[in-house]
Amino acid sequence: MVPYSDSGHLTKRQKNYNYCHSSSRTVIERAFGLLKARWRSLLNVLAINRMDFTAYHILACCVLHNICLLNQDEIQLQDQVIVVDVDVEETKPLPEMQVEYNCDRTVAEAKRSNICASLCLKNA
């Protein structure tokens, strides 16, 4: 999903979607940063000869990282300690849209609009 292009005519809901999109992206990028900081093998070319093992290597790092988080293991980076709070929010499923689509872009825009309409206003 991509944010709405801001040409100065966005609705409150579209601005809210962009705000939520940006906030979520920041959280995701931080999570990947912490994952790569803990498992340095993910920073460069993986030392695996067979490409079919690459996904297993990444998955193993993710599982081990989550185990570390659940055991409140801290990551030491450049003289600072990063403590990660694990907070799982319950999400409500989005209502299904009963519309036929002609192309992928139309489908993507409809999904984005559906998500936009269902978000609680946070940045009103």
PDB file of N, CA and C in Angstrom:
ATOM      1  N   MET A   1       0.840  -1.178   0.000  1.00  0.00           N
ATOM      2  CA  MET A   1       0.000   0.000   0.000  1.00  0.00           C
ATOM      3  C   MET A   1       0.888   1.245   0.000  1.00  0.00           C
ATOM      4  N   VAL A   2       0.421   2.245  -0.670  1.00  0.00           N
ATOM      5  CA  VAL A   2       1.155   3.504  -0.723  1.00  0.00           C
ATOM      6  C   VAL A   2       0.291   4.596  -0.098  1.00  0.00           C
ATOM      7  N   PRO A   3       0.929   5.636   0.422  1.00  0.00           N
ATOM      8  CA  PRO A   3       0.136   6.742   0.967  1.00  0.00           C
ATOM      9  C   PRO A   3      -0.526   7.539  -0.160  1.00  0.00           C
ATOM     10  N   TYR A   4      -1.511   8.350   0.224  1.00  0.00           N
ATOM     11  CA  TYR A   4      -2.145   9.244  -0.744  1.00  0.00           C
ATOM     12  C   TYR A   4      -1.171  10.362  -1.091  1.00  0.00           C
ATOM     13  N   SER A   5      -1.125  10.754  -2.350  1.00  0.00           N
ATOM     14  CA  SER A   5      -0.294  11.885  -2.766  1.00  0.00           C
ATOM     15  C   SER A   5      -0.923  13.156  -2.231  1.00  0.00           C
ATOM     16  N   ASP A   6      -0.119  13.959  -1.560  1.00  0.00           N
ATOM     17  CA  ASP A   6      -0.652  15.178  -0.956  1.00  0.00           C
ATOM     18  C   ASP A   6      -0.483  16.354  -1.902  1.00  0.00           C
ATOM     19  N   SER A   7      -1.550  16.674  -2.607  1.00  0.00           N
ATOM     20  CA  SER A   7      -1.552  17.823  -3.507  1.00  0.00           C
ATOM     21  C   SER A   7      -2.247  19.021  -2.854  1.00  0.00           C
ATOM     22  N   GLY A   8      -2.461  18.927  -1.548  1.00  0.00           N
ATOM     23  CA  GLY A   8      -3.121  20.009  -0.819  1.00  0.00           C
ATOM     24  C   GLY A   8      -4.623  19.853  -0.731  1.00  0.00           C
ATOM     25  N   HIS A   9      -5.162  18.766  -1.269  1.00  0.00           N
ATOM     26  CA  HIS A   9      -6.614  18.575  -1.277  1.00  0.00           C
ATOM     27  C   HIS A   9      -7.025  17.257  -0.634  1.00  0.00           C
ATOM     28  N   LEU A  10      -6.253  16.773   0.334  1.00  0.00           N
ATOM     29  CA  LEU A  10      -6.597  15.515   0.987  1.00  0.00           C
ATOM     30  C   LEU A  10      -7.694  15.727   2.023  1.00  0.00           C
ATOM     31  N   THR A  11      -8.549  14.724   2.161  1.00  0.00           N
ATOM     32  CA  THR A  11      -9.579  14.767   3.199  1.00  0.00           C
ATOM     33  C   THR A  11      -8.931  14.441   4.546  1.00  0.00           C
ATOM     34  N   LYS A  12      -9.684  14.650   5.636  1.00  0.00           N
ATOM     35  CA  LYS A  12      -9.168  14.301   6.967  1.00  0.00           C
ATOM     36  C   LYS A  12      -8.858  12.813   7.044  1.00  0.00           C
ATOM     37  N   ARG A  13      -9.722  11.999   6.459  1.00  0.00           N
ATOM     38  CA  ARG A  13      -9.510  10.544   6.481  1.00  0.00           C
ATOM     39  C   ARG A  13      -8.246  10.165   5.711  1.00  0.00           C
ATOM     40  N   GLN A  14      -7.987  10.801   4.573  1.00  0.00           N
ATOM     41  CA  GLN A  14      -6.785  10.510   3.789  1.00  0.00           C
ATOM     42  C   GLN A  14      -5.527  10.953   4.537  1.00  0.00           C
ATOM     43  N   LYS A  15      -5.595  12.106   5.178  1.00  0.00           N
ATOM     44  CA  LYS A  15      -4.459  12.560   5.993  1.00  0.00           C
ATOM     45  C   LYS A  15      -4.222  11.600   7.154  1.00  0.00           C
ATOM     46  N   ASN A  16      -5.314  11.126   7.754  1.00  0.00           N
ATOM     47  CA  ASN A  16      -5.212  10.157   8.841  1.00  0.00           C
ATOM     48  C   ASN A  16      -4.581   8.860   8.345  1.00  0.00           C
ATOM     49  N   TYR A  17      -5.000   8.397   7.152  1.00  0.00           N
ATOM     50  CA  TYR A  17      -4.415   7.191   6.561  1.00  0.00           C
ATOM     51  C   TYR A  17      -2.907   7.386   6.375  1.00  0.00           C
ATOM     52  N   ASN A  18      -2.500   8.530   5.815  1.00  0.00           N
ATOM     53  CA  ASN A  18      -1.074   8.800   5.602  1.00  0.00           C
ATOM     54  C   ASN A  18      -0.313   8.814   6.927  1.00  0.00           C
ATOM     55  N   TYR A  19      -0.933   9.400   7.965  1.00  0.00           N
ATOM     56  CA  TYR A  19      -0.307   9.449   9.291  1.00  0.00           C
ATOM     57  C   TYR A  19      -0.120   8.028   9.837  1.00  0.00           C
ATOM     58  N   CYS A  20      -1.180   7.219   9.771  1.00  0.00           N
ATOM     59  CA  CYS A  20      -1.106   5.830  10.252  1.00  0.00           C
ATOM     60  C   CYS A  20      -0.118   5.014   9.425  1.00  0.00           C
ATOM     61  N   HIS A  21      -0.111   5.237   8.130  1.00  0.00           N
ATOM     62  CA  HIS A  21       0.825   4.546   7.228  1.00  0.00           C
ATOM     63  C   HIS A  21       2.264   4.874   7.622  1.00  0.00           C
ATOM     64  N   SER A  22       2.546   6.145   7.838  1.00  0.00           N
ATOM     65  CA  SER A  22       3.893   6.576   8.204  1.00  0.00           C
ATOM     66  C   SER A  22       4.295   6.014   9.569  1.00  0.00           C
ATOM     67  N   SER A  23       3.376   6.056  10.529  1.00  0.00           N
ATOM     68  CA  SER A  23       3.661   5.532  11.866  1.00  0.00           C
ATOM     69  C   SER A  23       3.958   4.041  11.816  1.00  0.00           C
ATOM     70  N   SER A  24       3.159   3.309  11.062  1.00  0.00           N
ATOM     71  CA  SER A  24       3.356   1.861  10.939  1.00  0.00           C
ATOM     72  C   SER A  24       4.670   1.548  10.259  1.00  0.00           C
ATOM     73  N   ARG A  25       4.978   2.310   9.222  1.00  0.00           N
ATOM     74  CA  ARG A  25       6.228   2.081   8.497  1.00  0.00           C
ATOM     75  C   ARG A  25       7.426   2.306   9.414  1.00  0.00           C
ATOM     76  N   THR A  26       7.362   3.324  10.257  1.00  0.00           N
ATOM     77  CA  THR A  26       8.444   3.604  11.195  1.00  0.00           C
ATOM     78  C   THR A  26       8.639   2.436  12.155  1.00  0.00           C
ATOM     79  N   VAL A  27       7.547   1.902  12.680  1.00  0.00           N
ATOM     80  CA  VAL A  27       7.614   0.762  13.601  1.00  0.00           C
ATOM     81  C   VAL A  27       8.225  -0.446  12.901  1.00  0.00           C
ATOM     82  N   ILE A  28       7.796  -0.708  11.667  1.00  0.00           N
ATOM     83  CA  ILE A  28       8.303  -1.849  10.913  1.00  0.00           C
ATOM     84  C   ILE A  28       9.791  -1.692  10.617  1.00  0.00           C
ATOM     85  N   GLU A  29      10.204  -0.488  10.206  1.00  0.00           N
ATOM     86  CA  GLU A  29      11.619  -0.255   9.917  1.00  0.00           C
ATOM     87  C   GLU A  29      12.468  -0.410  11.174  1.00  0.00           C
ATOM     88  N   ARG A  30      11.945   0.039  12.315  1.00  0.00           N
ATOM     89  CA  ARG A  30      12.672  -0.118  13.583  1.00  0.00           C
ATOM     90  C   ARG A  30      12.785  -1.590  13.948  1.00  0.00           C
ATOM     91  N   ALA A  31      11.717  -2.344  13.728  1.00  0.00           N
ATOM     92  CA  ALA A  31      11.743  -3.779  14.022  1.00  0.00           C
ATOM     93  C   ALA A  31      12.786  -4.492  13.166  1.00  0.00           C
ATOM     94  N   PHE A  32      12.837  -4.157  11.868  1.00  0.00           N
ATOM     95  CA  PHE A  32      13.857  -4.759  11.006  1.00  0.00           C
ATOM     96  C   PHE A  32      15.253  -4.337  11.438  1.00  0.00           C
ATOM     97  N   GLY A  33      15.400  -3.088  11.868  1.00  0.00           N
ATOM     98  CA  GLY A  33      16.697  -2.619  12.350  1.00  0.00           C
ATOM     99  C   GLY A  33      17.156  -3.393  13.572  1.00  0.00           C
ATOM    100  N   LEU A  34      16.235  -3.631  14.512  1.00  0.00           N
ATOM    101  CA  LEU A  34      16.578  -4.402  15.707  1.00  0.00           C
ATOM    102  C   LEU A  34      16.898  -5.853  15.352  1.00  0.00           C
ATOM    103  N   LEU A  35      16.139  -6.412  14.421  1.00  0.00           N
ATOM    104  CA  LEU A  35      16.391  -7.781  13.980  1.00  0.00           C
ATOM    105  C   LEU A  35      17.787  -7.891  13.369  1.00  0.00           C
ATOM    106  N   LYS A  36      18.138  -6.927  12.513  1.00  0.00           N
ATOM    107  CA  LYS A  36      19.457  -6.951  11.863  1.00  0.00           C
ATOM    108  C   LYS A  36      20.576  -6.635  12.843  1.00  0.00           C
ATOM    109  N   ALA A  37      20.279  -5.850  13.880  1.00  0.00           N
ATOM    110  CA  ALA A  37      21.300  -5.555  14.883  1.00  0.00           C
ATOM    111  C   ALA A  37      21.616  -6.795  15.714  1.00  0.00           C
ATOM    112  N   ARG A  38      20.587  -7.579  16.012  1.00  0.00           N
ATOM    113  CA  ARG A  38      20.792  -8.784  16.815  1.00  0.00           C
ATOM    114  C   ARG A  38      21.418  -9.900  15.980  1.00  0.00           C
ATOM    115  N   TRP A  39      20.974 -10.061  14.750  1.00  0.00           N
ATOM    116  CA  TRP A  39      21.445 -11.135  13.878  1.00  0.00           C
ATOM    117  C   TRP A  39      22.195 -10.492  12.713  1.00  0.00           C
ATOM    118  N   ARG A  40      23.468 -10.205  12.940  1.00  0.00           N
ATOM    119  CA  ARG A  40      24.294  -9.451  11.996  1.00  0.00           C
ATOM    120  C   ARG A  40      24.438 -10.165  10.649  1.00  0.00           C
ATOM    121  N   SER A  41      24.175 -11.449  10.617  1.00  0.00           N
ATOM    122  CA  SER A  41      24.285 -12.185   9.351  1.00  0.00           C
ATOM    123  C   SER A  41      23.262 -11.699   8.332  1.00  0.00           C
ATOM    124  N   LEU A  42      22.223 -10.995   8.785  1.00  0.00           N
ATOM    125  CA  LEU A  42      21.210 -10.478   7.872  1.00  0.00           C
ATOM    126  C   LEU A  42      21.638  -9.176   7.192  1.00  0.00           C
ATOM    127  N   LEU A  43      22.743  -8.574   7.644  1.00  0.00           N
ATOM    128  CA  LEU A  43      23.185  -7.292   7.088  1.00  0.00           C
ATOM    129  C   LEU A  43      23.811  -7.427   5.703  1.00  0.00           C
ATOM    130  N   ASN A  44      24.490  -8.510   5.457  1.00  0.00           N
ATOM    131  CA  ASN A  44      25.231  -8.684   4.209  1.00  0.00           C
ATOM    132  C   ASN A  44      24.687  -9.881   3.444  1.00  0.00           C
ATOM    133  N   VAL A  45      25.426 -10.293   2.455  1.00  0.00           N
ATOM    134  CA  VAL A  45      25.054 -11.483   1.694  1.00  0.00           C
ATOM    135  C   VAL A  45      25.100 -12.672   2.648  1.00  0.00           C
ATOM    136  N   LEU A  46      24.029 -13.443   2.682  1.00  0.00           N
ATOM    137  CA  LEU A  46      23.977 -14.582   3.579  1.00  0.00           C
ATOM    138  C   LEU A  46      24.997 -15.634   3.169  1.00  0.00           C
ATOM    139  N   ALA A  47      25.658 -16.212   4.160  1.00  0.00           N
ATOM    140  CA  ALA A  47      26.680 -17.231   3.899  1.00  0.00           C
ATOM    141  C   ALA A  47      26.011 -18.588   3.703  1.00  0.00           C
ATOM    142  N   ILE A  48      25.160 -18.659   2.708  1.00  0.00           N
ATOM    143  CA  ILE A  48      24.439 -19.887   2.410  1.00  0.00           C
ATOM    144  C   ILE A  48      24.647 -20.192   0.931  1.00  0.00           C
ATOM    145  N   ASN A  49      25.031 -21.420   0.636  1.00  0.00           N
ATOM    146  CA  ASN A  49      25.287 -21.794  -0.753  1.00  0.00           C
ATOM    147  C   ASN A  49      24.006 -22.071  -1.523  1.00  0.00           C
ATOM    148  N   ARG A  50      22.989 -22.556  -0.842  1.00  0.00           N
ATOM    149  CA  ARG A  50      21.747 -22.914  -1.516  1.00  0.00           C
ATOM    150  C   ARG A  50      20.691 -21.838  -1.253  1.00  0.00           C
ATOM    151  N   MET A  51      20.143 -21.291  -2.311  1.00  0.00           N
ATOM    152  CA  MET A  51      19.156 -20.220  -2.197  1.00  0.00           C
ATOM    153  C   MET A  51      17.872 -20.686  -1.512  1.00  0.00           C
ATOM    154  N   ASP A  52      17.554 -21.965  -1.616  1.00  0.00           N
ATOM    155  CA  ASP A  52      16.323 -22.449  -1.004  1.00  0.00           C
ATOM    156  C   ASP A  52      16.401 -22.455   0.525  1.00  0.00           C
ATOM    157  N   PHE A  53      17.600 -22.278   1.103  1.00  0.00           N
ATOM    158  CA  PHE A  53      17.742 -22.184   2.556  1.00  0.00           C
ATOM    159  C   PHE A  53      17.666 -20.745   3.066  1.00  0.00           C
ATOM    160  N   THR A  54      17.708 -19.780   2.177  1.00  0.00           N
ATOM    161  CA  THR A  54      17.713 -18.370   2.582  1.00  0.00           C
ATOM    162  C   THR A  54      16.487 -18.015   3.410  1.00  0.00           C
ATOM    163  N   ALA A  55      15.319 -18.410   2.939  1.00  0.00           N
ATOM    164  CA  ALA A  55      14.089 -18.098   3.682  1.00  0.00           C
ATOM    165  C   ALA A  55      14.099 -18.749   5.057  1.00  0.00           C
ATOM    166  N   TYR A  56      14.643 -19.965   5.166  1.00  0.00           N
ATOM    167  CA  TYR A  56      14.718 -20.645   6.461  1.00  0.00           C
ATOM    168  C   TYR A  56      15.672 -19.913   7.411  1.00  0.00           C
ATOM    169  N   HIS A  57      16.765 -19.412   6.868  1.00  0.00           N
ATOM    170  CA  HIS A  57      17.727 -18.661   7.677  1.00  0.00           C
ATOM    171  C   HIS A  57      17.067 -17.402   8.251  1.00  0.00           C
ATOM    172  N   ILE A  58      16.370 -16.663   7.399  1.00  0.00           N
ATOM    173  CA  ILE A  58      15.693 -15.439   7.848  1.00  0.00           C
ATOM    174  C   ILE A  58      14.595 -15.776   8.850  1.00  0.00           C
ATOM    175  N   LEU A  59      13.831 -16.812   8.575  1.00  0.00           N
ATOM    176  CA  LEU A  59      12.769 -17.235   9.485  1.00  0.00           C
ATOM    177  C   LEU A  59      13.336 -17.649  10.838  1.00  0.00           C
ATOM    178  N   ALA A  60      14.444 -18.377  10.830  1.00  0.00           N
ATOM    179  CA  ALA A  60      15.083 -18.791  12.082  1.00  0.00           C
ATOM    180  C   ALA A  60      15.524 -17.574  12.892  1.00  0.00           C
ATOM    181  N   CYS A  61      16.078 -16.572  12.214  1.00  0.00           N
ATOM    182  CA  CYS A  61      16.477 -15.337  12.906  1.00  0.00           C
ATOM    183  C   CYS A  61      15.266 -14.647  13.528  1.00  0.00           C
ATOM    184  N   CYS A  62      14.156 -14.611  12.797  1.00  0.00           N
ATOM    185  CA  CYS A  62      12.927 -13.987  13.308  1.00  0.00           C
ATOM    186  C   CYS A  62      12.401 -14.735  14.524  1.00  0.00           C
ATOM    187  N   VAL A  63      12.379 -16.061  14.465  1.00  0.00           N
ATOM    188  CA  VAL A  63      11.885 -16.864  15.589  1.00  0.00           C
ATOM    189  C   VAL A  63      12.778 -16.672  16.806  1.00  0.00           C
ATOM    190  N   LEU A  64      14.089 -16.764  16.604  1.00  0.00           N
ATOM    191  CA  LEU A  64      15.020 -16.576  17.725  1.00  0.00           C
ATOM    192  C   LEU A  64      14.924 -15.162  18.294  1.00  0.00           C
ATOM    193  N   HIS A  65      14.749 -14.176  17.434  1.00  0.00           N
ATOM    194  CA  HIS A  65      14.592 -12.788  17.877  1.00  0.00           C
ATOM    195  C   HIS A  65      13.351 -12.653  18.754  1.00  0.00           C
ATOM    196  N   ASN A  66      12.237 -13.261  18.324  1.00  0.00           N
ATOM    197  CA  ASN A  66      11.006 -13.200  19.117  1.00  0.00           C
ATOM    198  C   ASN A  66      11.158 -13.910  20.456  1.00  0.00           C
ATOM    199  N   ILE A  67      11.891 -15.018  20.467  1.00  0.00           N
ATOM    200  CA  ILE A  67      12.159 -15.708  21.731  1.00  0.00           C
ATOM    201  C   ILE A  67      12.963 -14.802  22.660  1.00  0.00           C
ATOM    202  N   CYS A  68      13.955 -14.114  22.117  1.00  0.00           N
ATOM    203  CA  CYS A  68      14.746 -13.175  22.920  1.00  0.00           C
ATOM    204  C   CYS A  68      13.862 -12.062  23.483  1.00  0.00           C
ATOM    205  N   LEU A  69      12.968 -11.529  22.646  1.00  0.00           N
ATOM    206  CA  LEU A  69      12.073 -10.462  23.110  1.00  0.00           C
ATOM    207  C   LEU A  69      11.147 -10.954  24.214  1.00  0.00           C
ATOM    208  N   LEU A  70      10.604 -12.147  24.055  1.00  0.00           N
ATOM    209  CA  LEU A  70       9.702 -12.699  25.067  1.00  0.00           C
ATOM    210  C   LEU A  70      10.418 -12.958  26.386  1.00  0.00           C
ATOM    211  N   ASN A  71      11.726 -13.212  26.325  1.00  0.00           N
ATOM    212  CA  ASN A  71      12.523 -13.419  27.532  1.00  0.00           C
ATOM    213  C   ASN A  71      13.183 -12.135  28.008  1.00  0.00           C
ATOM    214  N   GLN A  72      12.752 -11.011  27.448  1.00  0.00           N
ATOM    215  CA  GLN A  72      13.220  -9.669  27.809  1.00  0.00           C
ATOM    216  C   GLN A  72      14.730  -9.527  27.713  1.00  0.00           C
ATOM    217  N   ASP A  73      15.296 -10.148  26.681  1.00  0.00           N
ATOM    218  CA  ASP A  73      16.714 -10.007  26.393  1.00  0.00           C
ATOM    219  C   ASP A  73      16.924  -8.639  25.764  1.00  0.00           C
ATOM    220  N   GLU A  74      17.908  -7.902  26.219  1.00  0.00           N
ATOM    221  CA  GLU A  74      18.153  -6.558  25.712  1.00  0.00           C
ATOM    222  C   GLU A  74      19.264  -6.578  24.676  1.00  0.00           C
ATOM    223  N   ILE A  75      19.206  -5.615  23.758  1.00  0.00           N
ATOM    224  CA  ILE A  75      20.231  -5.484  22.728  1.00  0.00           C
ATOM    225  C   ILE A  75      21.144  -4.330  23.120  1.00  0.00           C
ATOM    226  N   GLN A  76      22.461  -4.588  23.156  1.00  0.00           N
ATOM    227  CA  GLN A  76      23.442  -3.560  23.492  1.00  0.00           C
ATOM    228  C   GLN A  76      24.015  -3.014  22.199  1.00  0.00           C
ATOM    229  N   LEU A  77      23.775  -1.718  21.920  1.00  0.00           N
ATOM    230  CA  LEU A  77      24.280  -1.088  20.706  1.00  0.00           C
ATOM    231  C   LEU A  77      24.999   0.201  21.049  1.00  0.00           C
ATOM    232  N   GLN A  78      26.263   0.296  20.709  1.00  0.00           N
ATOM    233  CA  GLN A  78      27.046   1.523  20.849  1.00  0.00           C
ATOM    234  C   GLN A  78      26.790   2.219  22.182  1.00  0.00           C
ATOM    235  N   ASP A  79      27.067   1.541  23.277  1.00  0.00           N
ATOM    236  CA  ASP A  79      26.953   2.083  24.628  1.00  0.00           C
ATOM    237  C   ASP A  79      25.541   2.494  25.018  1.00  0.00           C
ATOM    238  N   GLN A  80      24.544   1.967  24.345  1.00  0.00           N
ATOM    239  CA  GLN A  80      23.174   2.220  24.759  1.00  0.00           C
ATOM    240  C   GLN A  80      22.402   0.913  24.752  1.00  0.00           C
ATOM    241  N   VAL A  81      21.468   0.820  25.638  1.00  0.00           N
ATOM    242  CA  VAL A  81      20.655  -0.373  25.726  1.00  0.00           C
ATOM    243  C   VAL A  81      19.293  -0.063  25.134  1.00  0.00           C
ATOM    244  N   ILE A  82      18.839  -0.922  24.240  1.00  0.00           N
ATOM    245  CA  ILE A  82      17.523  -0.764  23.636  1.00  0.00           C
ATOM    246  C   ILE A  82      16.627  -1.830  24.236  1.00  0.00           C
ATOM    247  N   VAL A  83      15.583  -1.400  24.919  1.00  0.00           N
ATOM    248  CA  VAL A  83      14.614  -2.322  25.484  1.00  0.00           C
ATOM    249  C   VAL A  83      13.383  -2.274  24.597  1.00  0.00           C
ATOM    250  N   VAL A  84      12.923  -3.425  24.167  1.00  0.00           N
ATOM    251  CA  VAL A  84      11.791  -3.495  23.262  1.00  0.00           C
ATOM    252  C   VAL A  84      10.570  -3.955  24.038  1.00  0.00           C
ATOM    253  N   ASP A  85       9.508  -3.161  23.985  1.00  0.00           N
ATOM    254  CA  ASP A  85       8.248  -3.557  24.580  1.00  0.00           C
ATOM    255  C   ASP A  85       7.441  -4.303  23.544  1.00  0.00           C
ATOM    256  N   VAL A  86       7.009  -5.489  23.889  1.00  0.00           N
ATOM    257  CA  VAL A  86       6.179  -6.268  22.984  1.00  0.00           C
ATOM    258  C   VAL A  86       4.731  -5.975  23.336  1.00  0.00           C
ATOM    259  N   ASP A  87       4.019  -5.341  22.421  1.00  0.00           N
ATOM    260  CA  ASP A  87       2.623  -4.982  22.636  1.00  0.00           C
ATOM    261  C   ASP A  87       1.819  -5.505  21.467  1.00  0.00           C
ATOM    262  N   VAL A  88       0.951  -6.433  21.744  1.00  0.00           N
ATOM    263  CA  VAL A  88       0.135  -7.021  20.698  1.00  0.00           C
ATOM    264  C   VAL A  88      -1.250  -6.409  20.770  1.00  0.00           C
ATOM    265  N   GLU A  89      -1.643  -5.729  19.700  1.00  0.00           N
ATOM    266  CA  GLU A  89      -2.967  -5.133  19.641  1.00  0.00           C
ATOM    267  C   GLU A  89      -3.888  -6.058  18.875  1.00  0.00           C
ATOM    268  N   GLU A  90      -5.132  -6.118  19.347  1.00  0.00           N
ATOM    269  CA  GLU A  90      -6.118  -6.883  18.598  1.00  0.00           C
ATOM    270  C   GLU A  90      -6.620  -6.014  17.464  1.00  0.00           C
ATOM    271  N   THR A  91      -6.755  -6.608  16.316  1.00  0.00           N
ATOM    272  CA  THR A  91      -7.245  -5.863  15.164  1.00  0.00           C
ATOM    273  C   THR A  91      -8.594  -6.405  14.746  1.00  0.00           C
ATOM    274  N   LYS A  92      -9.437  -5.514  14.261  1.00  0.00           N
ATOM    275  CA  LYS A  92     -10.742  -5.920  13.762  1.00  0.00           C
ATOM    276  C   LYS A  92     -10.609  -6.204  12.275  1.00  0.00           C
ATOM    277  N   PRO A  93     -11.225  -7.281  11.804  1.00  0.00           N
ATOM    278  CA  PRO A  93     -11.169  -7.538  10.362  1.00  0.00           C
ATOM    279  C   PRO A  93     -11.938  -6.475   9.600  1.00  0.00           C
ATOM    280  N   LEU A  94     -11.428  -6.146   8.415  1.00  0.00           N
ATOM    281  CA  LEU A  94     -12.087  -5.158   7.574  1.00  0.00           C
ATOM    282  C   LEU A  94     -13.285  -5.776   6.877  1.00  0.00           C
ATOM    283  N   PRO A  95     -14.338  -5.013   6.684  1.00  0.00           N
ATOM    284  CA  PRO A  95     -15.479  -5.560   5.962  1.00  0.00           C
ATOM    285  C   PRO A  95     -15.107  -5.817   4.506  1.00  0.00           C
ATOM    286  N   GLU A  96     -15.638  -6.889   3.964  1.00  0.00           N
ATOM    287  CA  GLU A  96     -15.353  -7.245   2.582  1.00  0.00           C
ATOM    288  C   GLU A  96     -16.104  -6.329   1.623  1.00  0.00           C
ATOM    289  N   MET A  97     -15.452  -5.967   0.532  1.00  0.00           N
ATOM    290  CA  MET A  97     -16.096  -5.146  -0.483  1.00  0.00           C
ATOM    291  C   MET A  97     -16.576  -6.066  -1.602  1.00  0.00           C
ATOM    292  N   GLN A  98     -17.841  -5.945  -1.994  1.00  0.00           N
ATOM    293  CA  GLN A  98     -18.426  -6.791  -3.030  1.00  0.00           C
ATOM    294  C   GLN A  98     -18.414  -6.050  -4.365  1.00  0.00           C
ATOM    295  N   VAL A  99     -17.212  -5.883  -4.948  1.00  0.00           N
ATOM    296  CA  VAL A  99     -17.070  -5.156  -6.204  1.00  0.00           C
ATOM    297  C   VAL A  99     -16.130  -5.948  -7.104  1.00  0.00           C
ATOM    298  N   GLU A 100     -16.437  -5.990  -8.395  1.00  0.00           N
ATOM    299  CA  GLU A 100     -15.526  -6.624  -9.346  1.00  0.00           C
ATOM    300  C   GLU A 100     -14.537  -5.581  -9.850  1.00  0.00           C
ATOM    301  N   TYR A 101     -13.281  -5.996 -10.029  1.00  0.00           N
ATOM    302  CA  TYR A 101     -12.230  -5.071 -10.442  1.00  0.00           C
ATOM    303  C   TYR A 101     -11.646  -5.500 -11.774  1.00  0.00           C
ATOM    304  N   ASN A 102     -11.238  -4.496 -12.539  1.00  0.00           N
ATOM    305  CA  ASN A 102     -10.693  -4.772 -13.868  1.00  0.00           C
ATOM    306  C   ASN A 102      -9.172  -4.867 -13.880  1.00  0.00           C
ATOM    307  N   CYS A 103      -8.505  -4.187 -12.972  1.00  0.00           N
ATOM    308  CA  CYS A 103      -7.043  -4.213 -12.993  1.00  0.00           C
ATOM    309  C   CYS A 103      -6.509  -4.182 -11.572  1.00  0.00           C
ATOM    310  N   ASP A 104      -5.227  -4.506 -11.411  1.00  0.00           N
ATOM    311  CA  ASP A 104      -4.609  -4.561 -10.097  1.00  0.00           C
ATOM    312  C   ASP A 104      -4.585  -3.201  -9.414  1.00  0.00           C
ATOM    313  N   ARG A 105      -4.367  -2.126 -10.171  1.00  0.00           N
ATOM    314  CA  ARG A 105      -4.316  -0.796  -9.581  1.00  0.00           C
ATOM    315  C   ARG A 105      -5.664  -0.425  -8.967  1.00  0.00           C
ATOM    316  N   THR A 106      -6.727  -0.743  -9.659  1.00  0.00           N
ATOM    317  CA  THR A 106      -8.069  -0.454  -9.150  1.00  0.00           C
ATOM    318  C   THR A 106      -8.326  -1.238  -7.869  1.00  0.00           C
ATOM    319  N   VAL A 107      -7.892  -2.481  -7.837  1.00  0.00           N
ATOM    320  CA  VAL A 107      -8.056  -3.315  -6.648  1.00  0.00           C
ATOM    321  C   VAL A 107      -7.274  -2.706  -5.486  1.00  0.00           C
ATOM    322  N   ALA A 108      -6.029  -2.328  -5.746  1.00  0.00           N
ATOM    323  CA  ALA A 108      -5.191  -1.746  -4.699  1.00  0.00           C
ATOM    324  C   ALA A 108      -5.785  -0.440  -4.170  1.00  0.00           C
ATOM    325  N   GLU A 109      -6.271   0.411  -5.056  1.00  0.00           N
ATOM    326  CA  GLU A 109      -6.871   1.678  -4.633  1.00  0.00           C
ATOM    327  C   GLU A 109      -8.142   1.441  -3.820  1.00  0.00           C
ATOM    328  N   ALA A 110      -8.922   0.435  -4.201  1.00  0.00           N
ATOM    329  CA  ALA A 110     -10.138   0.109  -3.457  1.00  0.00           C
ATOM    330  C   ALA A 110      -9.788  -0.411  -2.066  1.00  0.00           C
ATOM    331  N   LYS A 111      -8.753  -1.242  -1.970  1.00  0.00           N
ATOM    332  CA  LYS A 111      -8.318  -1.742  -0.664  1.00  0.00           C
ATOM    333  C   LYS A 111      -7.833  -0.596   0.215  1.00  0.00           C
ATOM    334  N   ARG A 112      -7.044   0.303  -0.377  1.00  0.00           N
ATOM    335  CA  ARG A 112      -6.549   1.446   0.384  1.00  0.00           C
ATOM    336  C   ARG A 112      -7.714   2.304   0.864  1.00  0.00           C
ATOM    337  N   SER A 113      -8.699   2.542   0.006  1.00  0.00           N
ATOM    338  CA  SER A 113      -9.876   3.326   0.386  1.00  0.00           C
ATOM    339  C   SER A 113     -10.662   2.645   1.500  1.00  0.00           C
ATOM    340  N   ASN A 114     -10.763   1.324   1.428  1.00  0.00           N
ATOM    341  CA  ASN A 114     -11.463   0.561   2.452  1.00  0.00           C
ATOM    342  C   ASN A 114     -10.746   0.677   3.797  1.00  0.00           C
ATOM    343  N   ILE A 115      -9.436   0.550   3.774  1.00  0.00           N
ATOM    344  CA  ILE A 115      -8.650   0.702   4.997  1.00  0.00           C
ATOM    345  C   ILE A 115      -8.782   2.127   5.526  1.00  0.00           C
ATOM    346  N   CYS A 116      -8.679   3.094   4.642  1.00  0.00           N
ATOM    347  CA  CYS A 116      -8.780   4.506   5.011  1.00  0.00           C
ATOM    348  C   CYS A 116     -10.111   4.781   5.718  1.00  0.00           C
ATOM    349  N   ALA A 117     -11.186   4.260   5.177  1.00  0.00           N
ATOM    350  CA  ALA A 117     -12.519   4.504   5.736  1.00  0.00           C
ATOM    351  C   ALA A 117     -12.732   3.813   7.083  1.00  0.00           C
ATOM    352  N   SER A 118     -12.001   2.709   7.317  1.00  0.00           N
ATOM    353  CA  SER A 118     -12.220   1.946   8.550  1.00  0.00           C
ATOM    354  C   SER A 118     -11.296   2.351   9.705  1.00  0.00           C
ATOM    355  N   LEU A 119     -10.285   3.190   9.434  1.00  0.00           N
ATOM    356  CA  LEU A 119      -9.371   3.625  10.489  1.00  0.00           C
ATOM    357  C   LEU A 119     -10.029   4.610  11.433  1.00  0.00           C
ATOM    358  N   CYS A 120      -9.709   4.493  12.714  1.00  0.00           N
ATOM    359  CA  CYS A 120     -10.127   5.505  13.678  1.00  0.00           C
ATOM    360  C   CYS A 120      -9.297   6.752  13.419  1.00  0.00           C
ATOM    361  N   LEU A 121      -9.937   7.914  13.517  1.00  0.00           N
ATOM    362  CA  LEU A 121      -9.213   9.169  13.301  1.00  0.00           C
ATOM    363  C   LEU A 121      -8.264   9.422  14.471  1.00  0.00           C
ATOM    364  N   LYS A 122      -6.971   9.471  14.175  1.00  0.00           N
ATOM    365  CA  LYS A 122      -5.949   9.691  15.210  1.00  0.00           C
ATOM    366  C   LYS A 122      -5.304  11.058  15.064  1.00  0.00           C
ATOM    367  N   ASN A 123      -5.265  11.550  13.852  1.00  0.00           N
ATOM    368  CA  ASN A 123      -4.567  12.798  13.570  1.00  0.00           C
ATOM    369  C   ASN A 123      -5.563  13.820  13.006  1.00  0.00           C
ATOM    370  N   ALA A 124      -6.676  13.970  13.720  1.00  0.00           N
ATOM    371  CA  ALA A 124      -7.743  14.840  13.213  1.00  0.00           C
ATOM    372  C   ALA A 124      -7.455  16.293  13.495  1.00  0.00           C
TER     373      ALA A 124
END
